[in-house]
Structures are given as C-alpha cells and as structure tokens.
C-alpha cells in the first residue's frame, strides 16, 4: 500500500504539474504561430501594396519624361 501512495504522490505532485506546463506551453506556441501567420500575411499585403504604388509612380514619372521629351523635340523644330 505504501508504494502505491508514493507513486500516487509522484504522479500528483511531479508528473501532473509537468504535463500541465507542457500543455500551457503548447497552447502559447499555437497562439504565437497564429499571430505570426497573421503578421506574415499583413506584411505580404503591405509589400504588394508598396510594390504596386512604386510601379504607379514609376509609370507616372516615365510619362512625365516622355511628355518633356516631346515638348523638347517640338521646341527644337
């Protein structure tokens, strides 16, 4: 009977707390994985948006230079 009580005490005071801590860490890790995935998605959207805006700016600048070249050619004639 004494051995069963010792094993029960070990399970109750050592193994259960360790399992609870592992479970808690696992839950936190899952939460952090989700948050990381959301942040990565937001970053990707921002990067795409920035790239699109930079393309628009480049196209606008190219059109401005084309018009300036056209004006310069007309003035030289």
PDB file of N, CA and C in Angstrom:
ATOM      1  N   UNK A   1       0.822  -1.194   0.000  1.00  0.00           N
ATOM      2  CA  UNK A   1       0.000   0.000   0.000  1.00  0.00           C
ATOM      3  C   UNK A   1       0.868   1.261   0.000  1.00  0.00           C
ATOM      4  N   UNK A   2       1.991   1.191   0.664  1.00  0.00           N
ATOM      5  CA  UNK A   2       2.877   2.347   0.765  1.00  0.00           C
ATOM      6  C   UNK A   2       3.444   2.734  -0.600  1.00  0.00           C
ATOM      7  N   UNK A   3       3.788   1.744  -1.420  1.00  0.00           N
ATOM      8  CA  UNK A   3       4.334   2.004  -2.753  1.00  0.00           C
ATOM      9  C   UNK A   3       3.305   2.696  -3.646  1.00  0.00           C
ATOM     10  N   UNK A   4       2.068   2.310  -3.566  1.00  0.00           N
ATOM     11  CA  UNK A   4       1.004   2.926  -4.358  1.00  0.00           C
ATOM     12  C   UNK A   4       0.813   4.380  -3.946  1.00  0.00           C
ATOM     13  N   UNK A   5       0.890   4.658  -2.651  1.00  0.00           N
ATOM     14  CA  UNK A   5       0.761   6.044  -2.186  1.00  0.00           C
ATOM     15  C   UNK A   5       1.924   6.900  -2.667  1.00  0.00           C
ATOM     16  N   UNK A   6       3.139   6.346  -2.674  1.00  0.00           N
ATOM     17  CA  UNK A   6       4.317   7.080  -3.164  1.00  0.00           C
ATOM     18  C   UNK A   6       4.164   7.359  -4.657  1.00  0.00           C
ATOM     19  N   UNK A   7       3.761   6.353  -5.405  1.00  0.00           N
ATOM     20  CA  UNK A   7       3.567   6.539  -6.847  1.00  0.00           C
ATOM     21  C   UNK A   7       2.451   7.549  -7.100  1.00  0.00           C
ATOM     22  N   UNK A   8       1.373   7.482  -6.339  1.00  0.00           N
ATOM     23  CA  UNK A   8       0.278   8.450  -6.476  1.00  0.00           C
ATOM     24  C   UNK A   8       0.758   9.856  -6.170  1.00  0.00           C
ATOM     25  N   UNK A   9       1.591   9.996  -5.128  1.00  0.00           N
ATOM     26  CA  UNK A   9       2.135  11.319  -4.788  1.00  0.00           C
ATOM     27  C   UNK A   9       3.039  11.854  -5.879  1.00  0.00           C
ATOM     28  N   UNK A  10       3.876  10.979  -6.431  1.00  0.00           N
ATOM     29  CA  UNK A  10       4.767  11.398  -7.529  1.00  0.00           C
ATOM     30  C   UNK A  10       3.944  11.854  -8.724  1.00  0.00           C
ATOM     31  N   UNK A  11       2.928  11.084  -9.055  1.00  0.00           N
ATOM     32  CA  UNK A  11       2.072  11.454 -10.192  1.00  0.00           C
ATOM     33  C   UNK A  11       1.377  12.783  -9.926  1.00  0.00           C
ATOM     34  N   UNK A  12       0.843  12.941  -8.728  1.00  0.00           N
ATOM     35  CA  UNK A  12       0.079  14.148  -8.397  1.00  0.00           C
ATOM     36  C   UNK A  12       0.977  15.373  -8.295  1.00  0.00           C
ATOM     37  N   UNK A  13       2.151  15.268  -7.685  1.00  0.00           N
ATOM     38  CA  UNK A  13       2.965  16.438  -7.391  1.00  0.00           C
ATOM     39  C   UNK A  13       4.115  16.647  -8.358  1.00  0.00           C
ATOM     40  N   UNK A  14       4.410  15.687  -9.225  1.00  0.00           N
ATOM     41  CA  UNK A  14       5.516  15.862 -10.168  1.00  0.00           C
ATOM     42  C   UNK A  14       5.023  15.766 -11.615  1.00  0.00           C
ATOM     43  N   UNK A  15       4.400  14.679 -11.952  1.00  0.00           N
ATOM     44  CA  UNK A  15       4.054  14.423 -13.350  1.00  0.00           C
ATOM     45  C   UNK A  15       2.913  15.324 -13.818  1.00  0.00           C
ATOM     46  N   UNK A  16       1.854  15.476 -13.041  1.00  0.00           N
ATOM     47  CA  UNK A  16       0.740  16.343 -13.453  1.00  0.00           C
ATOM     48  C   UNK A  16       1.177  17.803 -13.650  1.00  0.00           C
ATOM     49  N   UNK A  17       1.961  18.388 -12.726  1.00  0.00           N
ATOM     50  CA  UNK A  17       2.424  19.758 -12.975  1.00  0.00           C
ATOM     51  C   UNK A  17       3.279  19.883 -14.234  1.00  0.00           C
ATOM     52  N   UNK A  18       4.127  18.884 -14.484  1.00  0.00           N
ATOM     53  CA  UNK A  18       4.949  18.923 -15.694  1.00  0.00           C
ATOM     54  C   UNK A  18       4.060  18.838 -16.935  1.00  0.00           C
ATOM     55  N   UNK A  19       3.089  17.950 -16.924  1.00  0.00           N
ATOM     56  CA  UNK A  19       2.171  17.841 -18.057  1.00  0.00           C
ATOM     57  C   UNK A  19       1.374  19.126 -18.252  1.00  0.00           C
ATOM     58  N   UNK A  20       0.951  19.734 -17.146  1.00  0.00           N
ATOM     59  CA  UNK A  20       0.204  20.987 -17.243  1.00  0.00           C
ATOM     60  C   UNK A  20       1.078  22.087 -17.857  1.00  0.00           C
ATOM     61  N   UNK A  21       2.341  22.176 -17.434  1.00  0.00           N
ATOM     62  CA  UNK A  21       3.243  23.177 -18.013  1.00  0.00           C
ATOM     63  C   UNK A  21       3.469  22.923 -19.502  1.00  0.00           C
ATOM     64  N   UNK A  22       3.640  21.674 -19.873  1.00  0.00           N
ATOM     65  CA  UNK A  22       3.807  21.352 -21.285  1.00  0.00           C
ATOM     66  C   UNK A  22       2.568  21.738 -22.079  1.00  0.00           C
ATOM     67  N   UNK A  23       1.412  21.453 -21.547  1.00  0.00           N
ATOM     68  CA  UNK A  23       0.169  21.807 -22.223  1.00  0.00           C
ATOM     69  C   UNK A  23       0.048  23.328 -22.356  1.00  0.00           C
ATOM     70  N   UNK A  24       0.383  24.042 -21.302  1.00  0.00           N
ATOM     71  CA  UNK A  24       0.333  25.505 -21.329  1.00  0.00           C
ATOM     72  C   UNK A  24       1.294  26.058 -22.373  1.00  0.00           C
ATOM     73  N   UNK A  25       2.510  25.536 -22.408  1.00  0.00           N
ATOM     74  CA  UNK A  25       3.483  25.988 -23.406  1.00  0.00           C
ATOM     75  C   UNK A  25       3.003  25.677 -24.817  1.00  0.00           C
ATOM     76  N   UNK A  26       2.393  24.518 -24.984  1.00  0.00           N
ATOM     77  CA  UNK A  26       1.868  24.139 -26.291  1.00  0.00           C
ATOM     78  C   UNK A  26       0.779  25.110 -26.734  1.00  0.00           C
ATOM     79  N   UNK A  27      -0.121  25.467 -25.832  1.00  0.00           N
ATOM     80  CA  UNK A  27      -1.192  26.417 -26.167  1.00  0.00           C
ATOM     81  C   UNK A  27      -0.610  27.779 -26.541  1.00  0.00           C
ATOM     82  N   UNK A  28       0.388  28.234 -25.796  1.00  0.00           N
ATOM     83  CA  UNK A  28       1.024  29.516 -26.108  1.00  0.00           C
ATOM     84  C   UNK A  28       1.710  29.458 -27.460  1.00  0.00           C
ATOM     85  N   UNK A  29       2.358  28.336 -27.744  1.00  0.00           N
ATOM     86  CA  UNK A  29       3.031  28.175 -29.027  1.00  0.00           C
ATOM     87  C   UNK A  29       2.037  28.213 -30.180  1.00  0.00           C
ATOM     88  N   UNK A  30       0.884  27.558 -30.024  1.00  0.00           N
ATOM     89  CA  UNK A  30      -0.144  27.606 -31.065  1.00  0.00           C
ATOM     90  C   UNK A  30      -0.622  29.035 -31.286  1.00  0.00           C
ATOM     91  N   UNK A  31      -0.842  29.765 -30.188  1.00  0.00           N
ATOM     92  CA  UNK A  31      -1.303  31.154 -30.290  1.00  0.00           C
ATOM     93  C   UNK A  31      -0.259  32.008 -31.007  1.00  0.00           C
ATOM     94  N   UNK A  32       1.000  31.819 -30.653  1.00  0.00           N
ATOM     95  CA  UNK A  32       2.062  32.599 -31.287  1.00  0.00           C
ATOM     96  C   UNK A  32       2.208  32.235 -32.762  1.00  0.00           C
ATOM     97  N   UNK A  33       2.011  30.964 -33.097  1.00  0.00           N
ATOM     98  CA  UNK A  33       2.058  30.561 -34.506  1.00  0.00           C
ATOM     99  C   UNK A  33       0.967  31.268 -35.303  1.00  0.00           C
ATOM    100  N   UNK A  34      -0.230  31.358 -34.735  1.00  0.00           N
ATOM    101  CA  UNK A  34      -1.335  32.046 -35.418  1.00  0.00           C
ATOM    102  C   UNK A  34      -1.019  33.522 -35.586  1.00  0.00           C
ATOM    103  N   UNK A  35      -0.505  34.149 -34.520  1.00  0.00           N
ATOM    104  CA  UNK A  35      -0.169  35.570 -34.593  1.00  0.00           C
ATOM    105  C   UNK A  35       0.925  35.808 -35.625  1.00  0.00           C
ATOM    106  N   UNK A  36       1.895  34.923 -35.669  1.00  0.00           N
ATOM    107  CA  UNK A  36       2.973  35.054 -36.649  1.00  0.00           C
ATOM    108  C   UNK A  36       2.433  34.928 -38.067  1.00  0.00           C
ATOM    109  N   UNK A  37       1.527  34.001 -38.285  1.00  0.00           N
ATOM    110  CA  UNK A  37       0.934  33.829 -39.611  1.00  0.00           C
ATOM    111  C   UNK A  37       0.164  35.079 -40.028  1.00  0.00           C
ATOM    112  N   UNK A  38      -0.554  35.676 -39.087  1.00  0.00           N
ATOM    113  CA  UNK A  38      -1.299  36.909 -39.388  1.00  0.00           C
ATOM    114  C   UNK A  38      -0.328  38.036 -39.729  1.00  0.00           C
ATOM    115  N   UNK A  39       0.739  38.167 -38.955  1.00  0.00           N
ATOM    116  CA  UNK A  39       1.723  39.221 -39.225  1.00  0.00           C
ATOM    117  C   UNK A  39       2.405  39.015 -40.577  1.00  0.00           C
ATOM    118  N   UNK A  40       2.694  37.774 -40.917  1.00  0.00           N
ATOM    119  CA  UNK A  40       3.298  37.500 -42.219  1.00  0.00           C
ATOM    120  C   UNK A  40       2.344  37.847 -43.345  1.00  0.00           C
ATOM    121  N   UNK A  41       1.082  37.544 -43.169  1.00  0.00           N
ATOM    122  CA  UNK A  41       0.092  37.879 -44.199  1.00  0.00           C
ATOM    123  C   UNK A  41      -0.029  39.392 -44.360  1.00  0.00           C
ATOM    124  N   UNK A  42      -0.070  40.101 -43.229  1.00  0.00           N
ATOM    125  CA  UNK A  42      -0.140  41.566 -43.298  1.00  0.00           C
ATOM    126  C   UNK A  42       1.090  42.136 -43.984  1.00  0.00           C
ATOM    127  N   UNK A  43       2.240  41.598 -43.662  1.00  0.00           N
ATOM    128  CA  UNK A  43       3.485  42.061 -44.276  1.00  0.00           C
ATOM    129  C   UNK A  43       3.465  41.835 -45.776  1.00  0.00           C
ATOM    130  N   UNK A  44       2.971  40.686 -46.195  1.00  0.00           N
ATOM    131  CA  UNK A  44       2.892  40.374 -47.622  1.00  0.00           C
ATOM    132  C   UNK A  44       1.951  41.345 -48.338  1.00  0.00           C
ATOM    133  N   UNK A  45       0.815  41.639 -47.721  1.00  0.00           N
ATOM    134  CA  UNK A  45      -0.135  42.577 -48.319  1.00  0.00           C
ATOM    135  C   UNK A  45       0.493  43.963 -48.428  1.00  0.00           C
ATOM    136  N   UNK A  46       1.199  44.381 -47.387  1.00  0.00           N
ATOM    137  CA  UNK A  46       1.851  45.692 -47.425  1.00  0.00           C
ATOM    138  C   UNK A  46       2.920  45.742 -48.500  1.00  0.00           C
ATOM    139  N   UNK A  47       3.681  44.669 -48.619  1.00  0.00           N
ATOM    140  CA  UNK A  47       4.731  44.619 -49.631  1.00  0.00           C
ATOM    141  C   UNK A  47       4.125  44.714 -51.027  1.00  0.00           C
ATOM    142  N   UNK A  48       3.054  43.976 -51.268  1.00  0.00           N
ATOM    143  CA  UNK A  48       2.400  44.023 -52.576  1.00  0.00           C
ATOM    144  C   UNK A  48       1.846  45.405 -52.859  1.00  0.00           C
ATOM    145  N   UNK A  49       1.258  46.016 -51.838  1.00  0.00           N
ATOM    146  CA  UNK A  49       0.702  47.355 -51.998  1.00  0.00           C
ATOM    147  C   UNK A  49       1.805  48.364 -52.317  1.00  0.00           C
ATOM    148  N   UNK A  50       2.898  48.265 -51.595  1.00  0.00           N
ATOM    149  CA  UNK A  50       4.015  49.177 -51.821  1.00  0.00           C
ATOM    150  C   UNK A  50       4.590  48.978 -53.219  1.00  0.00           C
ATOM    151  N   UNK A  51       4.743  47.733 -53.633  1.00  0.00           N
ATOM    152  CA  UNK A  51       5.256  47.452 -54.977  1.00  0.00           C
ATOM    153  C   UNK A  51       4.342  48.037 -56.044  1.00  0.00           C
ATOM    154  N   UNK A  52       3.042  47.888 -55.837  1.00  0.00           N
ATOM    155  CA  UNK A  52       2.069  48.417 -56.801  1.00  0.00           C
ATOM    156  C   UNK A  52       2.163  49.952 -56.858  1.00  0.00           C
ATOM    157  N   UNK A  53       2.285  50.593 -55.699  1.00  0.00           N
ATOM    158  CA  UNK A  53       2.395  52.048 -55.669  1.00  0.00           C
ATOM    159  C   UNK A  53       3.678  52.520 -56.342  1.00  0.00           C
ATOM    160  N   UNK A  54       4.772  51.791 -56.103  1.00  0.00           N
ATOM    161  CA  UNK A  54       6.035  52.159 -56.740  1.00  0.00           C
ATOM    162  C   UNK A  54       5.958  52.016 -58.261  1.00  0.00           C
ATOM    163  N   UNK A  55       5.262  50.992 -58.737  1.00  0.00           N
ATOM    164  CA  UNK A  55       5.080  50.832 -60.179  1.00  0.00           C
ATOM    165  C   UNK A  55       4.287  51.992 -60.753  1.00  0.00           C
ATOM    166  N   UNK A  56       3.235  52.395 -60.030  1.00  0.00           N
ATOM    167  CA  UNK A  56       2.422  53.520 -60.495  1.00  0.00           C
ATOM    168  C   UNK A  56       3.250  54.797 -60.542  1.00  0.00           C
ATOM    169  N   UNK A  57       4.063  55.022 -59.533  1.00  0.00           N
ATOM    170  CA  UNK A  57       4.918  56.210 -59.506  1.00  0.00           C
ATOM    171  C   UNK A  57       5.911  56.163 -60.661  1.00  0.00           C
ATOM    172  N   UNK A  58       6.505  54.999 -60.889  1.00  0.00           N
ATOM    173  CA  UNK A  58       7.467  54.853 -61.993  1.00  0.00           C
ATOM    174  C   UNK A  58       6.795  55.130 -63.330  1.00  0.00           C
ATOM    175  N   UNK A  59       5.590  54.588 -63.523  1.00  0.00           N
ATOM    176  CA  UNK A  59       4.863  54.835 -64.777  1.00  0.00           C
ATOM    177  C   UNK A  59       4.552  56.314 -64.943  1.00  0.00           C
ATOM    178  N   UNK A  60       4.151  56.966 -63.873  1.00  0.00           N
ATOM    179  CA  UNK A  60       3.848  58.394 -63.939  1.00  0.00           C
ATOM    180  C   UNK A  60       5.094  59.204 -64.301  1.00  0.00           C
ATOM    181  N   UNK A  61       6.201  58.874 -63.653  1.00  0.00           N
ATOM    182  CA  UNK A  61       7.453  59.585 -63.949  1.00  0.00           C
ATOM    183  C   UNK A  61       7.871  59.326 -65.398  1.00  0.00           C
ATOM    184  N   UNK A  62       7.721  58.091 -65.861  1.00  0.00           N
ATOM    185  CA  UNK A  62       8.059  57.787 -67.257  1.00  0.00           C
ATOM    186  C   UNK A  62       7.199  58.596 -68.224  1.00  0.00           C
ATOM    187  N   UNK A  63       5.902  58.715 -67.922  1.00  0.00           N
ATOM    188  CA  UNK A  63       5.017  59.514 -68.784  1.00  0.00           C
ATOM    189  C   UNK A  63       5.414  60.997 -68.764  1.00  0.00           C
ATOM    190  N   UNK A  64       5.796  61.482 -67.600  1.00  0.00           N
ATOM    191  CA  UNK A  64       6.224  62.882 -67.492  1.00  0.00           C
ATOM    192  C   UNK A  64       7.467  63.110 -68.352  1.00  0.00           C
ATOM    193  N   UNK A  65       8.420  62.182 -68.256  1.00  0.00           N
ATOM    194  CA  UNK A  65       9.635  62.331 -69.059  1.00  0.00           C
ATOM    195  C   UNK A  65       9.342  62.225 -70.547  1.00  0.00           C
ATOM    196  N   UNK A  66       8.406  61.369 -70.935  1.00  0.00           N
ATOM    197  CA  UNK A  66       8.020  61.269 -72.341  1.00  0.00           C
ATOM    198  C   UNK A  66       7.426  62.585 -72.822  1.00  0.00           C
ATOM    199  N   UNK A  67       6.585  63.183 -71.999  1.00  0.00           N
ATOM    200  CA  UNK A  67       5.987  64.469 -72.385  1.00  0.00           C
ATOM    201  C   UNK A  67       7.044  65.554 -72.461  1.00  0.00           C
ATOM    202  N   UNK A  68       7.976  65.529 -71.508  1.00  0.00           N
ATOM    203  CA  UNK A  68       9.059  66.520 -71.551  1.00  0.00           C
ATOM    204  C   UNK A  68       9.923  66.330 -72.792  1.00  0.00           C
ATOM    205  N   UNK A  69      10.201  65.084 -73.140  1.00  0.00           N
ATOM    206  CA  UNK A  69      10.969  64.818 -74.358  1.00  0.00           C
ATOM    207  C   UNK A  69      10.201  65.299 -75.588  1.00  0.00           C
ATOM    208  N   UNK A  70       8.890  65.066 -75.591  1.00  0.00           N
ATOM    209  CA  UNK A  70       8.068  65.513 -76.712  1.00  0.00           C
ATOM    210  C   UNK A  70       8.080  67.035 -76.817  1.00  0.00           C
ATOM    211  N   UNK A  71       7.943  67.704 -75.671  1.00  0.00           N
ATOM    212  CA  UNK A  71       7.994  69.173 -75.676  1.00  0.00           C
ATOM    213  C   UNK A  71       9.339  69.681 -76.146  1.00  0.00           C
ATOM    214  N   UNK A  72      10.394  69.030 -75.691  1.00  0.00           N
ATOM    215  CA  UNK A  72      11.740  69.433 -76.112  1.00  0.00           C
ATOM    216  C   UNK A  72      11.919  69.258 -77.604  1.00  0.00           C
ATOM    217  N   UNK A  73      11.437  68.153 -78.129  1.00  0.00           N
ATOM    218  CA  UNK A  73      11.546  67.914 -79.587  1.00  0.00           C
ATOM    219  C   UNK A  73      10.722  68.938 -80.357  1.00  0.00           C
ATOM    220  N   UNK A  74       9.536  69.284 -79.855  1.00  0.00           N
ATOM    221  CA  UNK A  74       8.717  70.288 -80.538  1.00  0.00           C
ATOM    222  C   UNK A  74       9.373  71.657 -80.492  1.00  0.00           C
ATOM    223  N   UNK A  75      10.030  71.993 -79.407  1.00  0.00           N
ATOM    224  CA  UNK A  75      10.685  73.293 -79.306  1.00  0.00           C
ATOM    225  C   UNK A  75      11.916  73.385 -80.203  1.00  0.00           C
ATOM    226  N   UNK A  76      12.560  72.260 -80.442  1.00  0.00           N
ATOM    227  CA  UNK A  76      13.755  72.264 -81.307  1.00  0.00           C
ATOM    228  C   UNK A  76      13.377  72.396 -82.779  1.00  0.00           C
ATOM    229  N   UNK A  77      12.152  72.057 -83.120  1.00  0.00           N
ATOM    230  CA  UNK A  77      11.735  72.141 -84.521  1.00  0.00           C
ATOM    231  C   UNK A  77      11.496  73.520 -84.948  1.00  0.00           C
TER     232      UNK A  77
END
